Amino acid sequence: MLDNIFIWDKIDLKIRKKILSRPIIKNQELIQSTVTTILNDVLKYGDNALYKYTNIFDLIKINEFKINEQQIMNAVSNISIDLKNAIIHAKKNIECFHNLQKNKLLDVEIEPGIRCSQIVVPINSVGLYVPGGSASLFSTVLMLSIPAKIAGCKKIILCSPPPISYEILFTAYICNINNIYQIGGAQSIAAMAFGTNTIPKVNKIFGPGNAYVTEAKLQVSKLLEGAGIDMPAGPSEVLVIADNFANDKFIAADLLSQAEHGVDSQVILITDSEILVEKVIKSIKLQLKTLSKIDVLLQSLKHSRFIVAPNLLECINISNMYGPEHLIIQTRNFKDLLPYVINAGSVFLGPWSPESAGDYASGTNHVLPTYGYTSRYSGLGVMDFQKRITIQELTSNGLLNLSSTIQLLAETEKMEAHKNAVLVRLQELKGK
């Protein structure tokens, strides 16, 4: 980690660009070709391909993809009361925040005789992907199903790798998600995008996943017979901006909390204090001794960066260049820096706002753009499960008053038929 300390003013543009780059996803070409093969197989062979790939990748022979009611109720009875209450508490907070995201009706008279409005309708069918395997991310069920329900989506299916944990099934149960399928990986994305005899086709797919799932989402989103996706996303990342008033133990804990996601995760500290960097590295080494995922953490920390900038505004500028998934601002006057934040998925202000709060229970969504996509994508919300439809209604006088403007614009663009659509109506009005 000591090799990853950089004094911003003493490095050139080439090195600056290099240290702000993400970890390279290994075997990217192999991932792309493997996913293409899987998608083509599922499109051609349907359920038979799903059984084959589940056996290959999950080492499980599945007789029935759909989870039945008895399996769900069995999960409900096998969750502790304390965990049930914790999940319900998180659900309440997430629902509270997401309910406030509902779009308000837009209806306005632009000028006399011209009324424009906007209605919001839910995406009819959506597929939710919840990672499983070694880490059963049941919190993702809350983050996906709650906005889908609030948006009013009529058909919601959930896919997760087998065996689906009791925690995922219980969380789906309290979120009233009944169509659950034990299928994971790129093959599940293909199933939701194309449809099979068992798994219905959906209009849009949501949820995080590994490199294969992410690549599958990107590929199906480009196919005419495929499906829309929420956002492209890569390995998890956090960037902390701190000054010499910050608590080094808190920063170390926040960096480690993201580093444990996987070996490709990236954690960055940007500060105006060299002394703080030394304290944080010391705290990381101490806390590492208390954590179990030591192999993953040590691999991930190889991608870590500790950057010393001349001042806090430059810290913000560097952060905006990187565009982190999670941005923690732990400075004395943290609110003063917020107006300068341009690119970030989710921001955590002050010493008492760990990134873990957003991952689980504060109320915001933890499905966020990564890999620099924060410059053009937002974190998941209710609006991602909806479509906006604009409406206009003109009276005869409204069209009459606007007609010369429309005709001149259409004529200038050499759109004769557009102009004619107005003219025939004007002639009709003159004949009355």
Protein backbone atom coordinates (compact mmCIF):
# COMPACT_ATOMS: atom_id res chain seq x y z
CA MET A 1 0.00 0.00 0.00
CA LEU A 2 2.89 2.33 0.66
CA ASP A 3 3.68 2.16 -3.05
CA ASN A 4 0.26 3.63 -3.78
CA ILE A 5 0.82 7.08 -2.23
CA PHE A 6 0.91 9.96 -4.72
CA ILE A 7 1.58 13.68 -4.25
CA TRP A 8 -0.72 15.19 -6.87
CA ASP A 9 1.38 18.28 -7.62
CA LYS A 10 4.50 16.20 -8.17
CA ILE A 11 3.17 13.83 -10.83
CA ASP A 12 2.59 14.52 -14.52
CA LEU A 13 -0.63 14.15 -16.50
CA LYS A 14 0.25 10.68 -17.72
CA ILE A 15 0.70 9.32 -14.20
CA ARG A 16 -2.41 11.16 -12.99
CA LYS A 17 -4.45 9.45 -15.67
CA LYS A 18 -2.93 6.08 -14.82
CA ILE A 19 -3.63 6.26 -11.09
CA LEU A 20 -7.25 7.27 -11.74
CA SER A 21 -7.83 4.30 -14.04
CA ARG A 22 -9.87 1.32 -12.89
CA PRO A 23 -8.44 -2.18 -12.46
CA ILE A 24 -8.40 -3.93 -15.82
CA ILE A 25 -10.98 -6.71 -15.99
CA LYS A 26 -8.93 -9.78 -16.83
CA ASN A 27 -9.82 -11.97 -19.80
CA GLN A 28 -12.28 -9.42 -21.20
CA GLU A 29 -12.22 -10.96 -24.68
CA LEU A 30 -12.85 -14.42 -23.25
CA ILE A 31 -15.75 -13.08 -21.19
CA GLN A 32 -17.30 -11.42 -24.25
CA SER A 33 -17.04 -14.52 -26.44
CA THR A 34 -18.28 -16.84 -23.68
CA VAL A 35 -21.31 -14.62 -23.05
CA THR A 36 -22.10 -14.43 -26.77
CA THR A 37 -22.09 -18.24 -26.94
CA ILE A 38 -24.37 -18.49 -23.89
CA LEU A 39 -26.83 -15.95 -25.29
CA ASN A 40 -27.00 -17.72 -28.65
CA ASP A 41 -27.53 -21.09 -26.97
CA VAL A 42 -30.36 -19.81 -24.77
CA LEU A 43 -31.99 -18.07 -27.73
CA LYS A 44 -31.81 -21.30 -29.75
CA TYR A 45 -32.32 -24.05 -27.16
CA GLY A 46 -34.22 -22.28 -24.37
CA ASP A 47 -34.61 -24.23 -21.12
CA ASN A 48 -32.27 -27.00 -22.27
CA ALA A 49 -29.44 -24.46 -22.46
CA LEU A 50 -30.34 -23.15 -19.00
CA TYR A 51 -30.13 -26.63 -17.49
CA LYS A 52 -26.78 -27.20 -19.19
CA TYR A 53 -25.16 -23.97 -18.03
CA THR A 54 -26.54 -24.28 -14.49
CA ASN A 55 -24.92 -27.68 -14.27
CA ILE A 56 -21.62 -26.35 -15.67
CA PHE A 57 -21.31 -23.10 -13.70
CA ASP A 58 -23.25 -23.74 -10.49
CA LEU A 59 -22.47 -27.47 -10.27
CA ILE A 60 -26.11 -28.12 -9.45
CA LYS A 61 -28.67 -30.20 -11.30
CA ILE A 62 -31.98 -28.32 -11.28
CA ASN A 63 -35.26 -30.12 -11.88
CA GLU A 64 -37.45 -27.03 -11.63
CA PHE A 65 -36.32 -23.45 -12.06
CA LYS A 66 -39.34 -21.80 -10.45
CA ILE A 67 -39.40 -21.63 -6.67
CA ASN A 68 -42.69 -22.95 -5.29
CA GLU A 69 -44.76 -21.59 -2.43
CA GLN A 70 -43.65 -24.32 -0.03
CA GLN A 71 -39.99 -23.39 -0.54
CA ILE A 72 -40.80 -19.75 0.16
CA MET A 73 -42.72 -20.55 3.35
CA ASN A 74 -39.91 -22.85 4.45
CA ALA A 75 -37.51 -19.94 4.11
CA VAL A 76 -39.82 -17.67 6.10
CA SER A 77 -39.85 -20.11 9.01
CA ASN A 78 -36.06 -20.51 8.98
CA ILE A 79 -35.11 -16.85 9.40
CA SER A 80 -34.42 -15.56 12.90
CA ILE A 81 -36.72 -12.95 14.40
CA ASP A 82 -33.83 -10.50 14.75
CA LEU A 83 -32.91 -10.77 11.08
CA LYS A 84 -36.55 -10.51 10.02
CA ASN A 85 -36.91 -7.30 12.02
CA ALA A 86 -33.69 -5.88 10.57
CA ILE A 87 -34.83 -6.57 7.00
CA ILE A 88 -38.26 -5.09 7.72
CA HIS A 89 -36.62 -1.98 9.25
CA ALA A 90 -34.46 -1.52 6.14
CA LYS A 91 -37.52 -2.07 3.92
CA LYS A 92 -39.42 0.68 5.73
CA ASN A 93 -36.63 3.23 5.22
CA ILE A 94 -36.09 2.33 1.56
CA GLU A 95 -39.84 2.54 0.87
CA CYS A 96 -40.01 5.94 2.59
CA PHE A 97 -37.28 7.43 0.41
CA HIS A 98 -38.45 5.85 -2.84
CA ASN A 99 -42.11 6.77 -2.32
CA LEU A 100 -41.02 10.42 -2.45
CA GLN A 101 -39.59 9.84 -5.94
CA LYS A 102 -43.00 9.42 -7.54
CA ASN A 103 -43.42 11.68 -10.54
CA LYS A 104 -46.01 14.40 -10.18
CA LEU A 105 -48.58 14.97 -12.91
CA LEU A 106 -47.44 17.58 -15.43
CA ASP A 107 -50.26 19.45 -17.14
CA VAL A 108 -49.86 23.01 -18.40
CA GLU A 109 -51.46 25.42 -20.85
CA ILE A 110 -48.47 26.58 -22.89
CA GLU A 111 -50.50 29.37 -24.51
CA PRO A 112 -54.23 29.80 -25.15
CA GLY A 113 -55.52 26.74 -26.96
CA ILE A 114 -52.38 24.65 -26.51
CA ARG A 115 -52.21 22.25 -23.61
CA CYS A 116 -49.27 19.92 -22.99
CA SER A 117 -49.09 17.22 -20.37
CA GLN A 118 -46.99 14.27 -19.34
CA ILE A 119 -48.15 10.98 -17.98
CA VAL A 120 -45.95 8.37 -16.34
CA VAL A 121 -46.63 4.69 -16.93
CA PRO A 122 -44.80 1.69 -15.46
CA ILE A 123 -42.66 -0.58 -17.58
CA ASN A 124 -44.95 -3.55 -17.96
CA SER A 125 -42.55 -6.41 -17.25
CA VAL A 126 -39.20 -6.28 -15.46
CA GLY A 127 -36.59 -8.81 -14.44
CA LEU A 128 -34.60 -8.44 -11.23
CA TYR A 129 -31.20 -10.09 -10.92
CA VAL A 130 -29.95 -10.76 -7.40
CA PRO A 131 -26.37 -12.06 -6.99
CA GLY A 132 -26.01 -15.23 -4.96
CA GLY A 133 -23.31 -17.83 -4.60
CA SER A 134 -20.67 -17.13 -1.96
CA ALA A 135 -22.33 -13.83 -1.01
CA SER A 136 -26.12 -13.94 -0.90
CA LEU A 137 -26.97 -10.27 -1.45
CA PHE A 138 -30.53 -10.31 -0.14
CA SER A 139 -30.33 -6.54 0.42
CA THR A 140 -30.39 -6.20 -3.38
CA VAL A 141 -33.90 -7.69 -3.35
CA LEU A 142 -35.04 -4.63 -1.38
CA MET A 143 -33.21 -2.21 -3.66
CA LEU A 144 -34.78 -3.66 -6.82
CA SER A 145 -38.25 -4.79 -5.82
CA ILE A 146 -39.27 -1.73 -3.78
CA PRO A 147 -38.91 0.83 -6.62
CA ALA A 148 -40.43 -1.68 -9.07
CA LYS A 149 -43.51 -2.04 -6.85
CA ILE A 150 -43.80 1.70 -6.23
CA ALA A 151 -43.51 2.35 -9.98
CA GLY A 152 -46.45 0.00 -10.54
CA CYS A 153 -44.77 -2.66 -12.71
CA LYS A 154 -47.36 -5.35 -13.34
CA LYS A 155 -45.08 -8.31 -14.07
CA ILE A 156 -41.98 -8.74 -11.91
CA ILE A 157 -39.72 -11.78 -11.95
CA LEU A 158 -36.60 -12.40 -9.87
CA CYS A 159 -33.66 -14.57 -10.82
CA SER A 160 -30.81 -15.62 -8.52
CA PRO A 161 -28.20 -18.40 -8.71
CA PRO A 162 -29.04 -21.71 -7.04
CA PRO A 163 -29.35 -22.60 -4.28
CA ILE A 164 -31.27 -19.44 -3.42
CA SER A 165 -30.74 -18.56 0.23
CA TYR A 166 -33.49 -18.35 2.84
CA GLU A 167 -32.64 -14.65 3.23
CA ILE A 168 -33.31 -13.86 -0.44
CA LEU A 169 -36.56 -15.82 -0.42
CA PHE A 170 -37.78 -14.17 2.78
CA THR A 171 -36.93 -10.68 1.50
CA ALA A 172 -38.72 -11.40 -1.77
CA TYR A 173 -41.71 -12.69 0.22
CA ILE A 174 -42.11 -9.50 2.29
CA CYS A 175 -41.73 -7.46 -0.92
CA ASN A 176 -44.54 -9.49 -2.50
CA ILE A 177 -42.35 -10.92 -5.28
CA ASN A 178 -43.81 -14.32 -6.12
CA ASN A 179 -42.22 -15.28 -9.45
CA ILE A 180 -38.75 -16.39 -8.38
CA TYR A 181 -36.40 -18.52 -10.48
CA GLN A 182 -33.24 -20.30 -9.36
CA ILE A 183 -31.06 -19.41 -12.30
CA GLY A 184 -28.01 -17.16 -12.34
CA GLY A 185 -25.15 -15.88 -14.45
CA ALA A 186 -25.25 -14.78 -18.07
CA GLN A 187 -27.77 -17.56 -18.79
CA SER A 188 -30.37 -15.93 -16.51
CA ILE A 189 -29.93 -12.58 -18.28
CA ALA A 190 -30.43 -14.36 -21.60
CA ALA A 191 -33.55 -16.11 -20.28
CA MET A 192 -35.11 -12.83 -19.14
CA ALA A 193 -34.14 -11.05 -22.34
CA PHE A 194 -35.37 -13.68 -24.80
CA GLY A 195 -37.83 -15.74 -22.77
CA THR A 196 -38.00 -19.55 -22.56
CA ASN A 197 -40.79 -22.03 -21.93
CA THR A 198 -40.18 -21.60 -18.19
CA ILE A 199 -38.97 -18.04 -17.78
CA PRO A 200 -40.96 -15.17 -19.29
CA LYS A 201 -39.38 -12.48 -21.44
CA VAL A 202 -39.22 -9.03 -19.82
CA ASN A 203 -38.93 -5.49 -21.16
CA LYS A 204 -36.07 -4.40 -18.91
CA ILE A 205 -33.49 -6.09 -16.67
CA PHE A 206 -32.16 -4.68 -13.40
CA GLY A 207 -29.49 -5.59 -10.89
CA PRO A 208 -25.75 -5.93 -10.31
CA GLY A 209 -23.63 -8.98 -11.04
CA ASN A 210 -20.19 -10.30 -11.91
CA ALA A 211 -18.29 -9.61 -15.13
CA TYR A 212 -20.32 -12.23 -17.05
CA VAL A 213 -23.67 -10.87 -15.88
CA THR A 214 -22.61 -7.31 -16.71
CA GLU A 215 -21.39 -8.33 -20.16
CA ALA A 216 -24.62 -10.26 -20.79
CA LYS A 217 -26.69 -7.20 -19.87
CA LEU A 218 -24.67 -5.03 -22.25
CA GLN A 219 -25.03 -7.51 -25.10
CA VAL A 220 -28.79 -8.12 -24.77
CA SER A 221 -29.41 -4.36 -24.58
CA LYS A 222 -27.97 -4.02 -28.10
CA LEU A 223 -30.10 -6.76 -29.63
CA LEU A 224 -33.44 -6.12 -31.30
CA GLU A 225 -34.91 -9.21 -29.62
CA GLY A 226 -33.22 -8.39 -26.31
CA ALA A 227 -34.21 -6.17 -23.39
CA GLY A 228 -33.37 -2.81 -21.87
CA ILE A 229 -31.07 -2.62 -18.86
CA ASP A 230 -30.78 -0.32 -15.87
CA MET A 231 -27.12 0.66 -16.27
CA PRO A 232 -23.70 -0.75 -17.03
CA ALA A 233 -21.80 -1.52 -13.84
CA GLY A 234 -18.43 -2.95 -12.93
CA PRO A 235 -16.56 -3.78 -9.73
CA SER A 236 -17.44 -1.83 -6.60
CA GLU A 237 -15.54 1.32 -5.64
CA VAL A 238 -15.36 4.00 -2.97
CA LEU A 239 -13.51 7.31 -2.83
CA VAL A 240 -13.01 9.16 0.46
CA ILE A 241 -12.21 12.87 0.67
CA ALA A 242 -10.84 13.82 4.08
CA ASP A 243 -8.90 16.50 5.90
CA ASN A 244 -6.72 16.39 9.00
CA PHE A 245 -9.83 16.58 11.23
CA ALA A 246 -11.04 13.18 9.92
CA ASN A 247 -11.05 9.99 11.96
CA ASP A 248 -8.45 7.65 10.43
CA LYS A 249 -10.13 4.55 11.92
CA PHE A 250 -13.43 5.45 10.23
CA ILE A 251 -11.72 6.00 6.89
CA ALA A 252 -9.83 2.71 7.12
CA ALA A 253 -13.06 0.88 7.93
CA ASP A 254 -14.87 2.48 4.97
CA LEU A 255 -12.07 1.61 2.56
CA LEU A 256 -11.99 -2.00 3.76
CA SER A 257 -15.78 -2.30 3.58
CA GLN A 258 -15.66 -1.76 -0.18
CA ALA A 259 -12.43 -3.67 -0.73
CA GLU A 260 -14.10 -6.86 0.54
CA HIS A 261 -16.59 -6.87 -2.35
CA GLY A 262 -14.06 -8.50 -4.64
CA VAL A 263 -10.49 -8.57 -5.90
CA ASP A 264 -11.37 -6.06 -8.65
CA SER A 265 -12.82 -3.50 -6.23
CA GLN A 266 -11.02 -0.19 -5.87
CA VAL A 267 -10.68 2.14 -2.89
CA ILE A 268 -9.20 5.64 -2.95
CA LEU A 269 -8.37 8.25 -0.32
CA ILE A 270 -7.82 11.86 -1.41
CA THR A 271 -6.70 14.31 1.24
CA ASP A 272 -4.75 17.50 1.80
CA SER A 273 -2.91 15.90 4.73
CA GLU A 274 0.09 13.56 4.33
CA ILE A 275 -0.08 12.81 8.05
CA LEU A 276 -3.65 11.51 7.65
CA VAL A 277 -2.52 9.10 4.92
CA GLU A 278 0.06 7.58 7.26
CA LYS A 279 -2.56 7.23 10.02
CA VAL A 280 -5.10 5.61 7.68
CA ILE A 281 -2.60 3.06 6.34
CA LYS A 282 -1.66 2.16 9.90
CA SER A 283 -5.35 1.75 10.80
CA ILE A 284 -5.96 -0.43 7.72
CA LYS A 285 -3.15 -2.77 8.75
CA LEU A 286 -4.57 -3.06 12.27
CA GLN A 287 -8.14 -3.66 11.10
CA LEU A 288 -7.05 -6.24 8.52
CA LYS A 289 -6.07 -8.52 11.40
CA THR A 290 -9.68 -8.62 12.59
CA LEU A 291 -11.35 -9.41 9.23
CA SER A 292 -11.98 -12.81 7.65
CA LYS A 293 -11.78 -12.08 3.90
CA ILE A 294 -8.08 -11.36 4.14
CA ASP A 295 -7.15 -12.84 0.73
CA VAL A 296 -9.78 -10.79 -1.10
CA LEU A 297 -8.88 -7.65 0.84
CA LEU A 298 -5.16 -7.90 0.14
CA GLN A 299 -5.78 -8.44 -3.58
CA SER A 300 -8.22 -5.52 -3.73
CA LEU A 301 -5.90 -3.19 -1.81
CA LYS A 302 -3.33 -3.58 -4.57
CA HIS A 303 -5.62 -1.29 -6.59
CA SER A 304 -5.89 1.25 -3.77
CA ARG A 305 -4.77 4.84 -4.17
CA PHE A 306 -3.73 7.40 -1.54
CA ILE A 307 -3.54 10.85 -3.11
CA VAL A 308 -2.33 14.01 -1.40
CA ALA A 309 -3.71 17.16 -3.04
CA PRO A 310 -2.84 20.79 -2.26
CA ASN A 311 -6.32 21.67 -0.98
CA LEU A 312 -9.85 20.30 -0.58
CA LEU A 313 -11.22 21.88 -3.76
CA GLU A 314 -8.56 20.06 -5.73
CA CYS A 315 -9.60 16.89 -3.90
CA ILE A 316 -13.12 17.42 -5.26
CA ASN A 317 -11.77 18.09 -8.76
CA ILE A 318 -9.84 14.81 -8.71
CA SER A 319 -12.93 12.99 -7.44
CA ASN A 320 -15.02 14.43 -10.28
CA MET A 321 -12.42 13.19 -12.78
CA TYR A 322 -12.72 9.69 -11.33
CA GLY A 323 -16.53 9.74 -10.81
CA PRO A 324 -16.80 7.22 -7.96
CA GLU A 325 -19.69 4.88 -7.29
CA HIS A 326 -19.56 5.87 -3.61
CA LEU A 327 -18.15 9.20 -2.41
CA ILE A 328 -17.53 9.78 1.30
CA ILE A 329 -16.73 13.32 2.41
CA GLN A 330 -15.23 13.32 5.89
CA THR A 331 -14.04 16.88 6.43
CA ARG A 332 -14.72 19.48 9.09
CA ASN A 333 -17.06 21.49 6.81
CA PHE A 334 -18.30 18.65 4.63
CA LYS A 335 -21.50 20.38 3.50
CA ASP A 336 -19.46 23.22 1.99
CA LEU A 337 -17.92 20.79 -0.50
CA LEU A 338 -21.17 19.20 -1.68
CA PRO A 339 -22.06 21.93 -4.25
CA TYR A 340 -18.84 21.13 -6.12
CA VAL A 341 -19.63 17.42 -6.55
CA ILE A 342 -20.50 16.67 -10.19
CA ASN A 343 -19.83 12.97 -10.70
CA ALA A 344 -20.76 10.44 -8.01
CA GLY A 345 -23.26 7.63 -7.61
CA SER A 346 -24.10 8.22 -3.96
CA VAL A 347 -22.57 10.65 -1.45
CA PHE A 348 -22.03 10.07 2.28
CA LEU A 349 -21.51 13.20 4.35
CA GLY A 350 -19.67 13.46 7.66
CA PRO A 351 -18.02 11.01 10.05
CA TRP A 352 -21.21 9.19 11.02
CA SER A 353 -22.30 8.21 7.49
CA PRO A 354 -20.56 4.94 6.59
CA GLU A 355 -21.11 3.59 3.09
CA SER A 356 -22.60 0.51 4.76
CA ALA A 357 -25.66 2.60 5.70
CA GLY A 358 -26.48 3.20 2.04
CA ASP A 359 -25.78 -0.41 1.16
CA TYR A 360 -28.42 -1.64 3.58
CA ALA A 361 -30.84 0.56 5.41
CA SER A 362 -30.56 4.36 5.26
CA GLY A 363 -33.15 4.52 2.46
CA THR A 364 -31.16 5.31 -0.68
CA ASN A 365 -30.52 2.70 -3.37
CA HIS A 366 -27.29 0.74 -3.55
CA VAL A 367 -27.58 -0.15 -7.25
CA LEU A 368 -25.24 2.50 -8.65
CA PRO A 369 -23.17 3.16 -11.77
CA THR A 370 -19.50 2.26 -11.51
CA TYR A 371 -16.39 2.36 -13.68
CA GLY A 372 -16.81 6.09 -14.39
CA TYR A 373 -20.40 5.84 -15.66
CA THR A 374 -21.47 8.33 -12.96
CA SER A 375 -20.68 11.06 -15.50
CA ARG A 376 -23.82 10.04 -17.43
CA TYR A 377 -25.85 7.62 -15.30
CA SER A 378 -27.69 7.94 -11.99
CA GLY A 379 -28.28 5.47 -9.20
CA LEU A 380 -31.39 3.30 -9.44
CA GLY A 381 -34.73 4.89 -8.58
CA VAL A 382 -38.46 4.63 -9.18
CA MET A 383 -38.23 6.51 -12.49
CA ASP A 384 -36.03 3.77 -13.95
CA PHE A 385 -39.03 1.44 -13.78
CA GLN A 386 -41.28 3.92 -15.58
CA LYS A 387 -41.74 5.61 -18.94
CA ARG A 388 -42.82 9.17 -19.63
CA ILE A 389 -45.40 9.83 -22.34
CA THR A 390 -46.01 13.38 -23.49
CA ILE A 391 -49.42 14.56 -24.68
CA GLN A 392 -50.58 17.66 -26.50
CA GLU A 393 -54.06 18.90 -27.25
CA LEU A 394 -54.65 21.92 -29.47
CA THR A 395 -57.92 23.70 -30.09
CA SER A 396 -58.65 25.14 -33.53
CA ASN A 397 -57.66 28.60 -32.28
CA GLY A 398 -54.53 27.19 -30.71
CA LEU A 399 -53.44 25.66 -34.01
CA LEU A 400 -54.37 28.84 -35.88
CA ASN A 401 -52.17 30.95 -33.65
CA LEU A 402 -49.26 28.53 -33.98
CA SER A 403 -49.68 27.66 -37.65
CA SER A 404 -47.35 30.24 -39.20
CA THR A 405 -44.53 29.20 -36.86
CA ILE A 406 -44.98 25.49 -37.65
CA GLN A 407 -45.20 26.12 -41.40
CA LEU A 408 -42.08 28.28 -41.52
CA LEU A 409 -40.03 25.81 -39.49
CA ALA A 410 -41.23 22.85 -41.62
CA GLU A 411 -40.61 24.74 -44.86
CA THR A 412 -37.07 25.67 -43.79
CA GLU A 413 -36.32 22.02 -43.00
CA LYS A 414 -37.83 21.06 -46.40
CA MET A 415 -40.51 18.96 -44.73
CA GLU A 416 -43.36 19.67 -47.12
CA ALA A 417 -45.73 17.03 -45.73
CA HIS A 418 -45.31 18.47 -42.23
CA LYS A 419 -46.34 21.87 -43.52
CA ASN A 420 -49.23 20.33 -45.41
CA ALA A 421 -50.60 18.69 -42.23
CA VAL A 422 -51.17 22.22 -40.95
CA LEU A 423 -52.44 23.65 -44.25
CA VAL A 424 -55.23 21.11 -44.69
CA ARG A 425 -56.54 22.00 -41.27
CA LEU A 426 -56.39 25.73 -41.99
CA GLN A 427 -58.35 25.17 -45.20
CA GLU A 428 -60.93 23.21 -43.22
CA LEU A 429 -61.26 26.10 -40.78
CA LYS A 430 -61.70 28.62 -43.62
CA GLY A 431 -64.46 26.51 -45.11
CA LYS A 432 -66.52 26.65 -41.95
